[in-house]
């Protein structure tokens, strides 16, 4: 009885070992795909801002309190129209003081001229009075020019795109009070990384993605590239023309993909089937081999295959790092039931 019991236990153990060996030795199931033909496009990604082609930022150059504002946001203005006025009380008081000195200097010069004609004073006294009058006149002219800084005017014909600030606030030098521009035409101003800028040239088409218009196909065209990049941010400014009927509004920040190269009939494999430039191919004997292929355009989802695999090749998808060269597998077409 004891022997029979040991024999049963031993048989069960052997069966378990054989079962485990069979399970571990069986070929793993892998899914495969075949290359497909389609359109491949090489793109350069960037974020952009919608701006008018012609516009200007209007700032104050003195630190003074705002006395009046035009309240003309969205309205048309002409070059030279007053937009705001700053408190010029101190500056006008200085001008009044200079004008009083001017009157005194004119009187002194007139008296010196009369005395010179009567030969009571020398030419030097008259010249000194004349010089003082000239100096005061120059100071008055300079002060009148300074007073112009207290009057904020439009630098161009256009529309007041935006107005900031309120009456009573202090305008700091450099603070933008108004944006003046032409509503049409509009352009995109994009910042492109320096490693991508050699691929971008004038005339390239850009595809636009805007959260405000998710279902619309929007396009723009590269019109110019700034010759000098930003050495700190390491990017270049690219300008793109928008069509007249664009729904985009000034100040929007869409994302763009500039199409730098495209192939209409390219051989494509999904990006997930690659490990660098290597894919895993299943041969006729169902064995896996790593194959390095020559690639072309790398997209966000697919890669153009130039050389290395045929149209009927079975490519492991997604790439399986656990598989080794020569390993036998059980291939199944992806999506097959």
C-alpha atoms as a PDB file:
ATOM      1  CA  UNK A   1       0.000   0.000   0.000  1.00  0.00           C
ATOM      2  CA  UNK A   2       2.759   2.404   0.901  1.00  0.00           C
ATOM      3  CA  UNK A   3       4.563   1.640  -2.367  1.00  0.00           C
ATOM      4  CA  UNK A   4       1.400   2.247  -4.358  1.00  0.00           C
ATOM      5  CA  UNK A   5       0.900   5.563  -2.620  1.00  0.00           C
ATOM      6  CA  UNK A   6       4.466   6.701  -3.442  1.00  0.00           C
ATOM      7  CA  UNK A   7       3.962   5.604  -7.026  1.00  0.00           C
ATOM      8  CA  UNK A   8       0.822   7.739  -7.342  1.00  0.00           C
ATOM      9  CA  UNK A   9       2.551  10.764  -5.814  1.00  0.00           C
ATOM     10  CA  UNK A  10       5.562  10.311  -8.086  1.00  0.00           C
ATOM     11  CA  UNK A  11       3.329  10.008 -11.163  1.00  0.00           C
ATOM     12  CA  UNK A  12       1.498  13.190 -10.178  1.00  0.00           C
ATOM     13  CA  UNK A  13       4.823  15.000  -9.727  1.00  0.00           C
ATOM     14  CA  UNK A  14       6.093  13.825 -13.123  1.00  0.00           C
ATOM     15  CA  UNK A  15       2.823  14.888 -14.752  1.00  0.00           C
ATOM     16  CA  UNK A  16       3.094  18.333 -13.147  1.00  0.00           C
ATOM     17  CA  UNK A  17       6.704  18.745 -14.320  1.00  0.00           C
ATOM     18  CA  UNK A  18       5.834  17.655 -17.832  1.00  0.00           C
ATOM     19  CA  UNK A  19       2.827  19.976 -17.857  1.00  0.00           C
ATOM     20  CA  UNK A  20       4.927  22.904 -16.671  1.00  0.00           C
ATOM     21  CA  UNK A  21       7.604  22.119 -19.279  1.00  0.00           C
ATOM     22  CA  UNK A  22       5.021  21.906 -22.041  1.00  0.00           C
ATOM     23  CA  UNK A  23       3.429  25.180 -20.960  1.00  0.00           C
ATOM     24  CA  UNK A  24       6.740  27.036 -20.703  1.00  0.00           C
ATOM     25  CA  UNK A  25       8.162  25.575 -23.907  1.00  0.00           C
ATOM     26  CA  UNK A  26       5.187  26.326 -26.141  1.00  0.00           C
ATOM     27  CA  UNK A  27       5.695  29.220 -28.585  1.00  0.00           C
ATOM     28  CA  UNK A  28       4.335  32.565 -27.322  1.00  0.00           C
ATOM     29  CA  UNK A  29       1.447  34.113 -29.238  1.00  0.00           C
ATOM     30  CA  UNK A  30       2.433  37.370 -30.967  1.00  0.00           C
ATOM     31  CA  UNK A  31       0.341  39.730 -33.042  1.00  0.00           C
ATOM     32  CA  UNK A  32       1.689  40.923 -36.367  1.00  0.00           C
ATOM     33  CA  UNK A  33       0.808  43.561 -38.964  1.00  0.00           C
ATOM     34  CA  UNK A  34       1.830  44.166 -42.556  1.00  0.00           C
ATOM     35  CA  UNK A  35       3.146  47.439 -44.015  1.00  0.00           C
ATOM     36  CA  UNK A  36       0.507  49.723 -45.500  1.00  0.00           C
ATOM     37  CA  UNK A  37       0.634  52.419 -48.146  1.00  0.00           C
ATOM     38  CA  UNK A  38      -0.506  55.926 -47.293  1.00  0.00           C
ATOM     39  CA  UNK A  39       0.413  59.576 -46.994  1.00  0.00           C
ATOM     40  CA  UNK A  40       3.402  60.519 -44.844  1.00  0.00           C
ATOM     41  CA  UNK A  41       4.155  64.067 -43.775  1.00  0.00           C
ATOM     42  CA  UNK A  42       7.123  65.473 -41.893  1.00  0.00           C
ATOM     43  CA  UNK A  43       5.953  68.308 -39.678  1.00  0.00           C
ATOM     44  CA  UNK A  44       7.453  70.868 -37.339  1.00  0.00           C
ATOM     45  CA  UNK A  45       5.341  71.578 -34.271  1.00  0.00           C
ATOM     46  CA  UNK A  46       5.019  75.037 -32.731  1.00  0.00           C
ATOM     47  CA  UNK A  47       2.660  77.219 -30.757  1.00  0.00           C
ATOM     48  CA  UNK A  48       1.576  80.513 -32.270  1.00  0.00           C
ATOM     49  CA  UNK A  49      -0.298  83.736 -31.522  1.00  0.00           C
ATOM     50  CA  UNK A  50      -2.806  85.419 -33.835  1.00  0.00           C
ATOM     51  CA  UNK A  51      -1.798  89.040 -34.503  1.00  0.00           C
ATOM     52  CA  UNK A  52      -2.641  91.749 -37.031  1.00  0.00           C
ATOM     53  CA  UNK A  53      -0.041  92.292 -39.723  1.00  0.00           C
ATOM     54  CA  UNK A  54      -0.035  96.020 -38.895  1.00  0.00           C
ATOM     55  CA  UNK A  55      -0.416  97.029 -35.275  1.00  0.00           C
ATOM     56  CA  UNK A  56       1.234  98.962 -32.456  1.00  0.00           C
ATOM     57  CA  UNK A  57       1.406  98.948 -28.668  1.00  0.00           C
ATOM     58  CA  UNK A  58       0.824 102.365 -27.108  1.00  0.00           C
ATOM     59  CA  UNK A  59       2.611 103.036 -23.823  1.00  0.00           C
ATOM     60  CA  UNK A  60       3.326 105.929 -21.511  1.00  0.00           C
ATOM     61  CA  UNK A  61       6.886 107.198 -21.224  1.00  0.00           C
ATOM     62  CA  UNK A  62       6.279 109.145 -17.995  1.00  0.00           C
ATOM     63  CA  UNK A  63       5.036 108.021 -14.603  1.00  0.00           C
ATOM     64  CA  UNK A  64       1.865 110.015 -14.079  1.00  0.00           C
ATOM     65  CA  UNK A  65      -1.747 109.536 -13.062  1.00  0.00           C
ATOM     66  CA  UNK A  66      -4.304 108.942 -15.816  1.00  0.00           C
ATOM     67  CA  UNK A  67      -6.722 111.900 -16.040  1.00  0.00           C
ATOM     68  CA  UNK A  68      -8.857 110.903 -19.036  1.00  0.00           C
ATOM     69  CA  UNK A  69      -9.375 107.837 -21.236  1.00  0.00           C
ATOM     70  CA  UNK A  70     -11.121 107.788 -24.586  1.00  0.00           C
ATOM     71  CA  UNK A  71     -13.250 104.711 -23.813  1.00  0.00           C
ATOM     72  CA  UNK A  72     -12.865 103.823 -27.474  1.00  0.00           C
ATOM     73  CA  UNK A  73     -12.103 100.089 -27.320  1.00  0.00           C
ATOM     74  CA  UNK A  74     -13.302  98.493 -30.558  1.00  0.00           C
ATOM     75  CA  UNK A  75     -13.646 101.865 -32.308  1.00  0.00           C
ATOM     76  CA  UNK A  76     -11.792 103.254 -35.310  1.00  0.00           C
ATOM     77  CA  UNK A  77      -9.219 105.970 -34.704  1.00  0.00           C
ATOM     78  CA  UNK A  78      -7.017 108.135 -36.890  1.00  0.00           C
ATOM     79  CA  UNK A  79      -3.320 108.795 -36.489  1.00  0.00           C
ATOM     80  CA  UNK A  80      -2.901 111.575 -33.902  1.00  0.00           C
ATOM     81  CA  UNK A  81      -6.297 111.097 -32.222  1.00  0.00           C
ATOM     82  CA  UNK A  82      -6.094 111.537 -28.449  1.00  0.00           C
ATOM     83  CA  UNK A  83      -6.525 108.282 -26.528  1.00  0.00           C
ATOM     84  CA  UNK A  84      -5.655 109.374 -22.990  1.00  0.00           C
ATOM     85  CA  UNK A  85      -4.313 112.305 -21.007  1.00  0.00           C
ATOM     86  CA  UNK A  86      -1.966 112.161 -18.026  1.00  0.00           C
ATOM     87  CA  UNK A  87      -1.759 114.605 -15.123  1.00  0.00           C
ATOM     88  CA  UNK A  88       0.466 117.418 -16.405  1.00  0.00           C
ATOM     89  CA  UNK A  89      -0.035 119.900 -13.533  1.00  0.00           C
ATOM     90  CA  UNK A  90       3.621 119.956 -12.456  1.00  0.00           C
ATOM     91  CA  UNK A  91       4.864 120.185 -16.029  1.00  0.00           C
ATOM     92  CA  UNK A  92       2.520 123.111 -16.823  1.00  0.00           C
ATOM     93  CA  UNK A  93       3.609 124.895 -13.660  1.00  0.00           C
ATOM     94  CA  UNK A  94       7.229 124.540 -14.792  1.00  0.00           C
ATOM     95  CA  UNK A  95       6.261 125.943 -18.208  1.00  0.00           C
ATOM     96  CA  UNK A  96       4.512 128.933 -16.593  1.00  0.00           C
ATOM     97  CA  UNK A  97       7.638 129.626 -14.521  1.00  0.00           C
ATOM     98  CA  UNK A  98       9.819 129.498 -17.623  1.00  0.00           C
ATOM     99  CA  UNK A  99       7.478 131.846 -19.493  1.00  0.00           C
ATOM    100  CA  UNK A 100       7.765 134.319 -16.620  1.00  0.00           C
ATOM    101  CA  UNK A 101      11.558 134.094 -16.857  1.00  0.00           C
ATOM    102  CA  UNK A 102      11.201 134.596 -20.610  1.00  0.00           C
ATOM    103  CA  UNK A 103       9.276 137.839 -20.092  1.00  0.00           C
ATOM    104  CA  UNK A 104      11.961 139.068 -17.667  1.00  0.00           C
ATOM    105  CA  UNK A 105      14.761 138.080 -20.061  1.00  0.00           C
ATOM    106  CA  UNK A 106      13.041 139.924 -22.930  1.00  0.00           C
ATOM    107  CA  UNK A 107      12.757 143.025 -20.744  1.00  0.00           C
ATOM    108  CA  UNK A 108      16.415 142.787 -19.697  1.00  0.00           C
ATOM    109  CA  UNK A 109      17.557 142.424 -23.292  1.00  0.00           C
ATOM    110  CA  UNK A 110      15.453 145.403 -24.436  1.00  0.00           C
ATOM    111  CA  UNK A 111      16.848 147.600 -21.661  1.00  0.00           C
ATOM    112  CA  UNK A 112      20.428 146.455 -22.417  1.00  0.00           C
ATOM    113  CA  UNK A 113      19.885 147.289 -26.092  1.00  0.00           C
ATOM    114  CA  UNK A 114      18.687 150.794 -25.244  1.00  0.00           C
ATOM    115  CA  UNK A 115      21.620 151.397 -22.925  1.00  0.00           C
ATOM    116  CA  UNK A 116      24.016 150.028 -25.534  1.00  0.00           C
ATOM    117  CA  UNK A 117      22.641 152.469 -28.120  1.00  0.00           C
ATOM    118  CA  UNK A 118      23.225 155.302 -25.631  1.00  0.00           C
ATOM    119  CA  UNK A 119      26.687 153.822 -24.939  1.00  0.00           C
ATOM    120  CA  UNK A 120      25.944 153.505 -21.264  1.00  0.00           C
ATOM    121  CA  UNK A 121      26.790 149.753 -21.161  1.00  0.00           C
ATOM    122  CA  UNK A 122      29.243 147.629 -23.106  1.00  0.00           C
ATOM    123  CA  UNK A 123      28.494 145.148 -25.861  1.00  0.00           C
ATOM    124  CA  UNK A 124      29.270 142.379 -23.375  1.00  0.00           C
ATOM    125  CA  UNK A 125      26.305 143.310 -21.174  1.00  0.00           C
ATOM    126  CA  UNK A 126      23.944 143.201 -24.143  1.00  0.00           C
ATOM    127  CA  UNK A 127      25.346 139.854 -25.308  1.00  0.00           C
ATOM    128  CA  UNK A 128      24.800 138.385 -21.852  1.00  0.00           C
ATOM    129  CA  UNK A 129      21.144 139.483 -21.829  1.00  0.00           C
ATOM    130  CA  UNK A 130      20.675 138.107 -25.357  1.00  0.00           C
ATOM    131  CA  UNK A 131      22.252 134.780 -24.345  1.00  0.00           C
ATOM    132  CA  UNK A 132      19.951 134.467 -21.317  1.00  0.00           C
ATOM    133  CA  UNK A 133      16.878 135.020 -23.487  1.00  0.00           C
ATOM    134  CA  UNK A 134      18.044 132.386 -25.983  1.00  0.00           C
ATOM    135  CA  UNK A 135      18.624 129.916 -23.152  1.00  0.00           C
ATOM    136  CA  UNK A 136      15.182 130.478 -21.649  1.00  0.00           C
ATOM    137  CA  UNK A 137      13.540 130.154 -25.088  1.00  0.00           C
ATOM    138  CA  UNK A 138      15.259 126.783 -25.558  1.00  0.00           C
ATOM    139  CA  UNK A 139      14.086 125.601 -22.150  1.00  0.00           C
ATOM    140  CA  UNK A 140      10.504 126.587 -22.990  1.00  0.00           C
ATOM    141  CA  UNK A 141      10.647 124.708 -26.301  1.00  0.00           C
ATOM    142  CA  UNK A 142      11.971 121.606 -24.516  1.00  0.00           C
ATOM    143  CA  UNK A 143       9.268 121.843 -21.840  1.00  0.00           C
ATOM    144  CA  UNK A 144       6.542 122.119 -24.489  1.00  0.00           C
ATOM    145  CA  UNK A 145       7.911 118.944 -26.100  1.00  0.00           C
ATOM    146  CA  UNK A 146       7.781 117.213 -22.722  1.00  0.00           C
ATOM    147  CA  UNK A 147       4.151 118.225 -22.345  1.00  0.00           C
ATOM    148  CA  UNK A 148       3.377 116.216 -25.480  1.00  0.00           C
ATOM    149  CA  UNK A 149       4.344 113.085 -23.498  1.00  0.00           C
ATOM    150  CA  UNK A 150       1.343 113.674 -21.239  1.00  0.00           C
ATOM    151  CA  UNK A 151      -1.028 113.324 -24.171  1.00  0.00           C
ATOM    152  CA  UNK A 152      -1.319 109.721 -25.430  1.00  0.00           C
ATOM    153  CA  UNK A 153      -2.260 109.658 -29.124  1.00  0.00           C
ATOM    154  CA  UNK A 154      -2.798 106.975 -31.742  1.00  0.00           C
ATOM    155  CA  UNK A 155       0.369 106.252 -33.754  1.00  0.00           C
ATOM    156  CA  UNK A 156      -1.602 104.970 -36.778  1.00  0.00           C
ATOM    157  CA  UNK A 157      -4.992 104.623 -38.413  1.00  0.00           C
ATOM    158  CA  UNK A 158      -6.769 101.537 -37.137  1.00  0.00           C
ATOM    159  CA  UNK A 159      -9.024 100.062 -34.485  1.00  0.00           C
ATOM    160  CA  UNK A 160      -8.497 100.153 -30.732  1.00  0.00           C
ATOM    161  CA  UNK A 161      -8.093  96.409 -30.252  1.00  0.00           C
ATOM    162  CA  UNK A 162      -7.759  96.645 -26.487  1.00  0.00           C
ATOM    163  CA  UNK A 163      -7.648  99.315 -23.808  1.00  0.00           C
ATOM    164  CA  UNK A 164      -6.129  98.858 -20.349  1.00  0.00           C
ATOM    165  CA  UNK A 165      -5.881 101.127 -17.349  1.00  0.00           C
ATOM    166  CA  UNK A 166      -8.457 103.271 -15.581  1.00  0.00           C
ATOM    167  CA  UNK A 167      -8.831 106.941 -14.756  1.00  0.00           C
ATOM    168  CA  UNK A 168      -7.021 107.611 -11.486  1.00  0.00           C
ATOM    169  CA  UNK A 169      -4.455 104.853 -11.908  1.00  0.00           C
ATOM    170  CA  UNK A 170      -0.770 105.678 -12.256  1.00  0.00           C
ATOM    171  CA  UNK A 171       0.631 104.832 -15.677  1.00  0.00           C
ATOM    172  CA  UNK A 172       4.121 103.395 -15.384  1.00  0.00           C
ATOM    173  CA  UNK A 173       6.659 103.905 -18.188  1.00  0.00           C
ATOM    174  CA  UNK A 174       6.430 100.942 -20.551  1.00  0.00           C
ATOM    175  CA  UNK A 175       2.964  99.841 -19.414  1.00  0.00           C
ATOM    176  CA  UNK A 176       0.798  99.114 -22.448  1.00  0.00           C
ATOM    177  CA  UNK A 177      -2.355 101.222 -22.358  1.00  0.00           C
ATOM    178  CA  UNK A 178      -3.686 100.556 -25.862  1.00  0.00           C
ATOM    179  CA  UNK A 179      -3.312  98.083 -28.714  1.00  0.00           C
ATOM    180  CA  UNK A 180      -4.002  99.777 -32.058  1.00  0.00           C
ATOM    181  CA  UNK A 181      -4.116  97.796 -35.295  1.00  0.00           C
ATOM    182  CA  UNK A 182      -5.793  96.845 -38.532  1.00  0.00           C
ATOM    183  CA  UNK A 183      -8.286  93.955 -38.016  1.00  0.00           C
ATOM    184  CA  UNK A 184      -7.308  92.541 -41.421  1.00  0.00           C
ATOM    185  CA  UNK A 185      -5.118  90.927 -42.606  1.00  0.00           C
ATOM    186  CA  UNK A 186      -4.139  88.621 -39.756  1.00  0.00           C
ATOM    187  CA  UNK A 187      -1.050  86.487 -39.264  1.00  0.00           C
ATOM    188  CA  UNK A 188       0.336  83.823 -36.971  1.00  0.00           C
ATOM    189  CA  UNK A 189       3.553  84.486 -35.081  1.00  0.00           C
ATOM    190  CA  UNK A 190       5.156  81.188 -34.048  1.00  0.00           C
ATOM    191  CA  UNK A 191       8.274  80.265 -32.082  1.00  0.00           C
ATOM    192  CA  UNK A 192      10.139  77.338 -33.697  1.00  0.00           C
ATOM    193  CA  UNK A 193      12.996  75.466 -31.991  1.00  0.00           C
ATOM    194  CA  UNK A 194      16.431  76.065 -33.482  1.00  0.00           C
ATOM    195  CA  UNK A 195      16.925  72.374 -34.353  1.00  0.00           C
ATOM    196  CA  UNK A 196      13.771  72.479 -36.521  1.00  0.00           C
ATOM    197  CA  UNK A 197      14.193  75.870 -38.191  1.00  0.00           C
ATOM    198  CA  UNK A 198      16.486  74.595 -41.034  1.00  0.00           C
ATOM    199  CA  UNK A 199      13.546  72.499 -42.274  1.00  0.00           C
ATOM    200  CA  UNK A 200      11.172  75.469 -42.527  1.00  0.00           C
ATOM    201  CA  UNK A 201      11.116  77.706 -45.610  1.00  0.00           C
ATOM    202  CA  UNK A 202       8.856  80.385 -47.046  1.00  0.00           C
ATOM    203  CA  UNK A 203       5.751  78.925 -48.695  1.00  0.00           C
ATOM    204  CA  UNK A 204       5.414  75.866 -46.440  1.00  0.00           C
ATOM    205  CA  UNK A 205       1.836  75.000 -45.485  1.00  0.00           C
ATOM    206  CA  UNK A 206       0.863  74.851 -41.813  1.00  0.00           C
ATOM    207  CA  UNK A 207      -2.068  72.933 -40.349  1.00  0.00           C
ATOM    208  CA  UNK A 208      -3.716  74.702 -37.423  1.00  0.00           C
ATOM    209  CA  UNK A 209      -5.394  73.141 -34.396  1.00  0.00           C
ATOM    210  CA  UNK A 210      -7.482  75.490 -32.287  1.00  0.00           C
ATOM    211  CA  UNK A 211      -9.559  74.526 -29.258  1.00  0.00           C
ATOM    212  CA  UNK A 212     -12.033  77.238 -30.251  1.00  0.00           C
ATOM    213  CA  UNK A 213     -12.693  75.582 -33.637  1.00  0.00           C
ATOM    214  CA  UNK A 214     -11.995  71.849 -33.111  1.00  0.00           C
ATOM    215  CA  UNK A 215     -13.993  70.672 -36.140  1.00  0.00           C
ATOM    216  CA  UNK A 216     -12.625  73.126 -38.701  1.00  0.00           C
ATOM    217  CA  UNK A 217      -9.682  72.533 -41.017  1.00  0.00           C
ATOM    218  CA  UNK A 218      -7.569  75.671 -40.670  1.00  0.00           C
ATOM    219  CA  UNK A 219      -4.436  76.458 -42.661  1.00  0.00           C
ATOM    220  CA  UNK A 220      -1.753  79.139 -42.944  1.00  0.00           C
ATOM    221  CA  UNK A 221       1.349  79.713 -45.091  1.00  0.00           C
ATOM    222  CA  UNK A 222       4.857  80.612 -43.963  1.00  0.00           C
ATOM    223  CA  UNK A 223       5.578  84.156 -45.150  1.00  0.00           C
ATOM    224  CA  UNK A 224       8.895  84.957 -43.452  1.00  0.00           C
ATOM    225  CA  UNK A 225      11.409  83.834 -40.825  1.00  0.00           C
ATOM    226  CA  UNK A 226      13.319  86.182 -38.553  1.00  0.00           C
ATOM    227  CA  UNK A 227      17.031  86.078 -39.495  1.00  0.00           C
ATOM    228  CA  UNK A 228      18.231  86.131 -35.863  1.00  0.00           C
ATOM    229  CA  UNK A 229      17.105  83.654 -33.245  1.00  0.00           C
ATOM    230  CA  UNK A 230      16.834  83.990 -29.489  1.00  0.00           C
ATOM    231  CA  UNK A 231      20.056  82.547 -27.971  1.00  0.00           C
ATOM    232  CA  UNK A 232      18.398  82.129 -24.557  1.00  0.00           C
ATOM    233  CA  UNK A 233      15.128  80.443 -25.553  1.00  0.00           C
ATOM    234  CA  UNK A 234      16.836  78.812 -28.569  1.00  0.00           C
ATOM    235  CA  UNK A 235      14.052  79.500 -31.008  1.00  0.00           C
ATOM    236  CA  UNK A 236      13.276  81.513 -34.135  1.00  0.00           C
ATOM    237  CA  UNK A 237      10.224  83.616 -34.909  1.00  0.00           C
ATOM    238  CA  UNK A 238       8.206  82.468 -37.910  1.00  0.00           C
ATOM    239  CA  UNK A 239       5.405  84.521 -39.501  1.00  0.00           C
ATOM    240  CA  UNK A 240       2.527  82.797 -41.287  1.00  0.00           C
ATOM    241  CA  UNK A 241      -0.200  84.447 -43.398  1.00  0.00           C
ATOM    242  CA  UNK A 242      -3.801  83.584 -42.561  1.00  0.00           C
ATOM    243  CA  UNK A 243      -6.574  83.607 -45.210  1.00  0.00           C
ATOM    244  CA  UNK A 244      -9.066  86.476 -45.171  1.00  0.00           C
ATOM    245  CA  UNK A 245     -11.925  84.210 -44.071  1.00  0.00           C
ATOM    246  CA  UNK A 246     -10.128  82.719 -41.077  1.00  0.00           C
ATOM    247  CA  UNK A 247     -12.338  82.414 -37.980  1.00  0.00           C
ATOM    248  CA  UNK A 248      -9.349  82.863 -35.662  1.00  0.00           C
ATOM    249  CA  UNK A 249      -9.426  85.978 -33.495  1.00  0.00           C
ATOM    250  CA  UNK A 250      -6.621  88.302 -32.454  1.00  0.00           C
ATOM    251  CA  UNK A 251      -4.857  86.996 -29.363  1.00  0.00           C
ATOM    252  CA  UNK A 252      -5.769  83.316 -29.813  1.00  0.00           C
ATOM    253  CA  UNK A 253      -2.962  80.784 -29.273  1.00  0.00           C
ATOM    254  CA  UNK A 254      -3.436  77.804 -31.616  1.00  0.00           C
ATOM    255  CA  UNK A 255      -1.010  74.935 -32.143  1.00  0.00           C
ATOM    256  CA  UNK A 256       0.436  74.487 -35.620  1.00  0.00           C
ATOM    257  CA  UNK A 257       2.174  71.756 -37.598  1.00  0.00           C
ATOM    258  CA  UNK A 258       4.282  73.125 -40.437  1.00  0.00           C
ATOM    259  CA  UNK A 259       4.446  70.515 -43.215  1.00  0.00           C
ATOM    260  CA  UNK A 260       8.077  70.506 -44.342  1.00  0.00           C
ATOM    261  CA  UNK A 261       7.965  67.347 -46.512  1.00  0.00           C
ATOM    262  CA  UNK A 262       5.312  64.864 -47.606  1.00  0.00           C
ATOM    263  CA  UNK A 263       4.990  61.599 -49.574  1.00  0.00           C
ATOM    264  CA  UNK A 264       1.584  60.633 -50.971  1.00  0.00           C
ATOM    265  CA  UNK A 265       2.337  56.917 -51.556  1.00  0.00           C
ATOM    266  CA  UNK A 266       4.646  55.895 -48.746  1.00  0.00           C
ATOM    267  CA  UNK A 267       5.125  52.471 -47.107  1.00  0.00           C
ATOM    268  CA  UNK A 268       4.163  52.900 -43.463  1.00  0.00           C
ATOM    269  CA  UNK A 269       4.526  51.040 -40.183  1.00  0.00           C
ATOM    270  CA  UNK A 270       3.117  52.148 -36.810  1.00  0.00           C
ATOM    271  CA  UNK A 271       5.523  53.904 -34.483  1.00  0.00           C
ATOM    272  CA  UNK A 272       4.940  51.292 -31.754  1.00  0.00           C
ATOM    273  CA  UNK A 273       6.475  48.554 -33.916  1.00  0.00           C
ATOM    274  CA  UNK A 274       9.933  50.175 -33.738  1.00  0.00           C
ATOM    275  CA  UNK A 275      12.818  50.020 -31.312  1.00  0.00           C
ATOM    276  CA  UNK A 276      14.908  52.817 -32.734  1.00  0.00           C
ATOM    277  CA  UNK A 277      15.211  51.829 -36.405  1.00  0.00           C
ATOM    278  CA  UNK A 278      14.756  48.104 -35.655  1.00  0.00           C
ATOM    279  CA  UNK A 279      11.580  46.014 -36.090  1.00  0.00           C
ATOM    280  CA  UNK A 280      10.860  42.350 -35.384  1.00  0.00           C
ATOM    281  CA  UNK A 281       9.911  40.251 -38.419  1.00  0.00           C
ATOM    282  CA  UNK A 282       8.263  36.798 -38.370  1.00  0.00           C
ATOM    283  CA  UNK A 283       9.651  34.552 -41.136  1.00  0.00           C
ATOM    284  CA  UNK A 284       8.016  31.647 -42.967  1.00  0.00           C
ATOM    285  CA  UNK A 285       9.062  29.232 -40.184  1.00  0.00           C
ATOM    286  CA  UNK A 286       7.415  31.455 -37.564  1.00  0.00           C
ATOM    287  CA  UNK A 287      10.732  32.529 -36.090  1.00  0.00           C
ATOM    288  CA  UNK A 288      11.425  36.091 -34.959  1.00  0.00           C
ATOM    289  CA  UNK A 289      14.354  38.114 -36.292  1.00  0.00           C
ATOM    290  CA  UNK A 290      15.374  41.702 -35.597  1.00  0.00           C
ATOM    291  CA  UNK A 291      15.704  43.737 -38.797  1.00  0.00           C
ATOM    292  CA  UNK A 292      17.193  47.202 -39.065  1.00  0.00           C
ATOM    293  CA  UNK A 293      15.408  49.190 -41.758  1.00  0.00           C
ATOM    294  CA  UNK A 294      15.987  52.477 -43.513  1.00  0.00           C
ATOM    295  CA  UNK A 295      13.341  54.983 -42.531  1.00  0.00           C
ATOM    296  CA  UNK A 296      12.178  58.263 -43.988  1.00  0.00           C
ATOM    297  CA  UNK A 297       9.542  60.506 -42.440  1.00  0.00           C
ATOM    298  CA  UNK A 298       8.807  59.979 -38.743  1.00  0.00           C
ATOM    299  CA  UNK A 299       5.304  61.012 -37.818  1.00  0.00           C
ATOM    300  CA  UNK A 300       3.519  61.029 -34.477  1.00  0.00           C
ATOM    301  CA  UNK A 301       1.810  57.680 -35.270  1.00  0.00           C
ATOM    302  CA  UNK A 302       3.556  56.107 -38.269  1.00  0.00           C
ATOM    303  CA  UNK A 303       7.011  55.864 -39.825  1.00  0.00           C
ATOM    304  CA  UNK A 304       7.873  55.802 -43.513  1.00  0.00           C
ATOM    305  CA  UNK A 305       9.784  52.647 -44.511  1.00  0.00           C
ATOM    306  CA  UNK A 306      12.294  53.276 -47.305  1.00  0.00           C
ATOM    307  CA  UNK A 307      14.182  49.938 -47.366  1.00  0.00           C
ATOM    308  CA  UNK A 308      14.303  46.712 -45.339  1.00  0.00           C
ATOM    309  CA  UNK A 309      10.848  45.117 -45.443  1.00  0.00           C
ATOM    310  CA  UNK A 310       8.581  43.972 -48.237  1.00  0.00           C
ATOM    311  CA  UNK A 311       4.863  44.549 -48.649  1.00  0.00           C
ATOM    312  CA  UNK A 312       4.039  41.028 -47.367  1.00  0.00           C
ATOM    313  CA  UNK A 313       6.340  41.119 -44.340  1.00  0.00           C
ATOM    314  CA  UNK A 314       4.857  40.131 -40.984  1.00  0.00           C
ATOM    315  CA  UNK A 315       5.947  42.684 -38.383  1.00  0.00           C
ATOM    316  CA  UNK A 316       5.484  42.093 -34.654  1.00  0.00           C
ATOM    317  CA  UNK A 317       3.179  44.748 -33.208  1.00  0.00           C
ATOM    318  CA  UNK A 318       3.789  46.217 -30.770  1.00  0.00           C
ATOM    319  CA  UNK A 319       7.547  45.671 -30.426  1.00  0.00           C
ATOM    320  CA  UNK A 320       8.257  42.824 -27.952  1.00  0.00           C
ATOM    321  CA  UNK A 321      11.565  43.270 -26.058  1.00  0.00           C
ATOM    322  CA  UNK A 322      11.027  39.873 -24.393  1.00  0.00           C
ATOM    323  CA  UNK A 323      11.474  38.032 -27.708  1.00  0.00           C
ATOM    324  CA  UNK A 324      14.921  36.857 -28.866  1.00  0.00           C
ATOM    325  CA  UNK A 325      16.324  36.335 -32.350  1.00  0.00           C
ATOM    326  CA  UNK A 326      15.397  32.918 -33.697  1.00  0.00           C
ATOM    327  CA  UNK A 327      12.673  32.316 -31.139  1.00  0.00           C
ATOM    328  CA  UNK A 328       9.696  30.377 -32.437  1.00  0.00           C
ATOM    329  CA  UNK A 329       6.346  32.104 -32.019  1.00  0.00           C
ATOM    330  CA  UNK A 330       2.702  31.563 -32.828  1.00  0.00           C
ATOM    331  CA  UNK A 331       1.794  34.540 -35.027  1.00  0.00           C
ATOM    332  CA  UNK A 332      -1.710  35.952 -35.197  1.00  0.00           C
ATOM    333  CA  UNK A 333      -2.811  38.778 -37.440  1.00  0.00           C
ATOM    334  CA  UNK A 334      -3.699  41.814 -35.358  1.00  0.00           C
ATOM    335  CA  UNK A 335      -7.436  42.261 -35.184  1.00  0.00           C
ATOM    336  CA  UNK A 336      -8.179  38.704 -36.345  1.00  0.00           C
ATOM    337  CA  UNK A 337     -10.937  36.885 -34.439  1.00  0.00           C
END
